[in-house]
Amino acid sequence: MKAQCRKFLGALGDDWPLAAGGTPEFDLHAGKCSRCRIIRDTVAKTIELYRSCWYEKVPAELELRLMTALNARSEECRKPSTGY
């Protein structure tokens, strides 16, 4: 991996303005580097999808039933197997 790739990809964990399309310097680099372009586009799409999600509160009774069922199933999975 090139030093310039390391520089830009290392910035992904920082306060990098990827949501706004990256930086002009990175966009110029990504225009020449397919690996960085793919990573930039994938991260940008992930951020877009995350921001487009909305959550709806489920009724308390349904939440309780779901959590009870999930906890019961989880307990079943934790039990040691006695068969072959």
C-alpha atoms as a PDB file:
ATOM      1  CA  MET A   1       0.000   0.000   0.000  1.00  0.00           C
ATOM      2  CA  LYS A   2       1.296   3.420  -0.948  1.00  0.00           C
ATOM      3  CA  ALA A   3       2.146   6.033   1.688  1.00  0.00           C
ATOM      4  CA  GLN A   4      -0.556   8.336   0.316  1.00  0.00           C
ATOM      5  CA  CYS A   5      -3.153   5.550   0.676  1.00  0.00           C
ATOM      6  CA  ARG A   6      -2.093   5.016   4.295  1.00  0.00           C
ATOM      7  CA  LYS A   7      -2.457   8.736   4.971  1.00  0.00           C
ATOM      8  CA  PHE A   8      -6.000   8.936   3.633  1.00  0.00           C
ATOM      9  CA  LEU A   9      -7.238   5.627   4.952  1.00  0.00           C
ATOM     10  CA  GLY A  10      -5.754   6.399   8.361  1.00  0.00           C
ATOM     11  CA  ALA A  11      -7.914   9.533   8.403  1.00  0.00           C
ATOM     12  CA  LEU A  12     -11.078   7.426   8.272  1.00  0.00           C
ATOM     13  CA  GLY A  13     -10.904   7.077  12.053  1.00  0.00           C
ATOM     14  CA  ASP A  14     -10.388  10.804  12.566  1.00  0.00           C
ATOM     15  CA  ASP A  15     -12.804  13.689  12.116  1.00  0.00           C
ATOM     16  CA  TRP A  16     -12.628  13.332   8.363  1.00  0.00           C
ATOM     17  CA  PRO A  17     -15.422  15.056   6.377  1.00  0.00           C
ATOM     18  CA  LEU A  18     -16.314  11.926   4.424  1.00  0.00           C
ATOM     19  CA  ALA A  19     -20.041  12.530   4.741  1.00  0.00           C
ATOM     20  CA  ALA A  20     -19.582  15.719   2.746  1.00  0.00           C
ATOM     21  CA  GLY A  21     -17.791  13.820  -0.029  1.00  0.00           C
ATOM     22  CA  GLY A  22     -14.304  13.607   1.428  1.00  0.00           C
ATOM     23  CA  THR A  23     -11.710  16.264   0.801  1.00  0.00           C
ATOM     24  CA  PRO A  24     -10.576  17.646  -2.563  1.00  0.00           C
ATOM     25  CA  GLU A  25      -7.110  16.181  -1.941  1.00  0.00           C
ATOM     26  CA  PHE A  26      -8.540  12.735  -1.218  1.00  0.00           C
ATOM     27  CA  ASP A  27     -10.943  12.915  -4.165  1.00  0.00           C
ATOM     28  CA  LEU A  28      -8.018  13.688  -6.452  1.00  0.00           C
ATOM     29  CA  HIS A  29      -6.116  10.691  -5.056  1.00  0.00           C
ATOM     30  CA  ALA A  30      -9.181   8.413  -5.248  1.00  0.00           C
ATOM     31  CA  GLY A  31      -9.578   9.351  -8.899  1.00  0.00           C
ATOM     32  CA  LYS A  32      -6.249   7.617  -9.551  1.00  0.00           C
ATOM     33  CA  CYS A  33      -6.369   4.858  -6.929  1.00  0.00           C
ATOM     34  CA  SER A  34      -9.132   2.280  -7.341  1.00  0.00           C
ATOM     35  CA  ARG A  35      -8.572   0.768  -3.873  1.00  0.00           C
ATOM     36  CA  CYS A  36      -9.076   4.101  -2.088  1.00  0.00           C
ATOM     37  CA  ARG A  37     -11.996   5.005  -4.365  1.00  0.00           C
ATOM     38  CA  ILE A  38     -13.798   1.756  -3.492  1.00  0.00           C
ATOM     39  CA  ILE A  39     -13.186   2.267   0.224  1.00  0.00           C
ATOM     40  CA  ARG A  40     -14.284   5.925   0.042  1.00  0.00           C
ATOM     41  CA  ASP A  41     -17.474   5.055  -1.833  1.00  0.00           C
ATOM     42  CA  THR A  42     -18.282   2.136   0.476  1.00  0.00           C
ATOM     43  CA  VAL A  43     -17.822   4.196   3.638  1.00  0.00           C
ATOM     44  CA  ALA A  44     -19.828   7.091   2.168  1.00  0.00           C
ATOM     45  CA  LYS A  45     -22.696   4.729   1.257  1.00  0.00           C
ATOM     46  CA  THR A  46     -22.601   3.162   4.732  1.00  0.00           C
ATOM     47  CA  ILE A  47     -22.890   6.607   6.328  1.00  0.00           C
ATOM     48  CA  GLU A  48     -25.737   7.520   3.967  1.00  0.00           C
ATOM     49  CA  LEU A  49     -27.641   4.333   4.785  1.00  0.00           C
ATOM     50  CA  TYR A  50     -27.098   4.774   8.516  1.00  0.00           C
ATOM     51  CA  ARG A  51     -28.384   8.345   8.420  1.00  0.00           C
ATOM     52  CA  SER A  52     -31.457   7.314   6.436  1.00  0.00           C
ATOM     53  CA  CYS A  53     -32.549   4.764   9.048  1.00  0.00           C
ATOM     54  CA  TRP A  54     -35.372   5.637  11.336  1.00  0.00           C
ATOM     55  CA  TYR A  55     -36.568   3.729  14.305  1.00  0.00           C
ATOM     56  CA  GLU A  56     -40.048   3.218  15.543  1.00  0.00           C
ATOM     57  CA  LYS A  57     -40.827   2.435  19.149  1.00  0.00           C
ATOM     58  CA  VAL A  58     -42.620  -0.892  19.502  1.00  0.00           C
ATOM     59  CA  PRO A  59     -45.378  -1.347  22.061  1.00  0.00           C
ATOM     60  CA  ALA A  60     -44.060  -2.325  25.510  1.00  0.00           C
ATOM     61  CA  GLU A  61     -46.004  -5.624  25.487  1.00  0.00           C
ATOM     62  CA  LEU A  62     -44.459  -6.679  22.164  1.00  0.00           C
ATOM     63  CA  GLU A  63     -40.982  -5.673  23.341  1.00  0.00           C
ATOM     64  CA  LEU A  64     -41.427  -7.764  26.502  1.00  0.00           C
ATOM     65  CA  ARG A  65     -42.599 -10.807  24.507  1.00  0.00           C
ATOM     66  CA  LEU A  66     -39.687 -10.510  22.084  1.00  0.00           C
ATOM     67  CA  MET A  67     -37.097 -10.084  24.825  1.00  0.00           C
ATOM     68  CA  THR A  68     -38.532 -13.026  26.780  1.00  0.00           C
ATOM     69  CA  ALA A  69     -38.359 -15.249  23.694  1.00  0.00           C
ATOM     70  CA  LEU A  70     -34.821 -14.129  22.847  1.00  0.00           C
ATOM     71  CA  ASN A  71     -33.605 -14.671  26.414  1.00  0.00           C
ATOM     72  CA  ALA A  72     -35.185 -18.138  26.518  1.00  0.00           C
ATOM     73  CA  ARG A  73     -33.545 -19.092  23.238  1.00  0.00           C
ATOM     74  CA  SER A  74     -30.227 -17.689  24.435  1.00  0.00           C
ATOM     75  CA  GLU A  75     -30.424 -19.828  27.574  1.00  0.00           C
ATOM     76  CA  GLU A  76     -31.145 -22.927  25.455  1.00  0.00           C
ATOM     77  CA  CYS A  77     -28.052 -22.243  23.358  1.00  0.00           C
ATOM     78  CA  ARG A  78     -25.858 -21.924  26.448  1.00  0.00           C
ATOM     79  CA  LYS A  79     -26.811 -25.313  27.856  1.00  0.00           C
ATOM     80  CA  PRO A  80     -24.179 -27.995  27.303  1.00  0.00           C
ATOM     81  CA  SER A  81     -25.053 -30.500  24.629  1.00  0.00           C
ATOM     82  CA  THR A  82     -25.855 -34.008  25.896  1.00  0.00           C
ATOM     83  CA  GLY A  83     -26.218 -35.682  22.483  1.00  0.00           C
ATOM     84  CA  TYR A  84     -23.800 -36.481  19.734  1.00  0.00           C
END
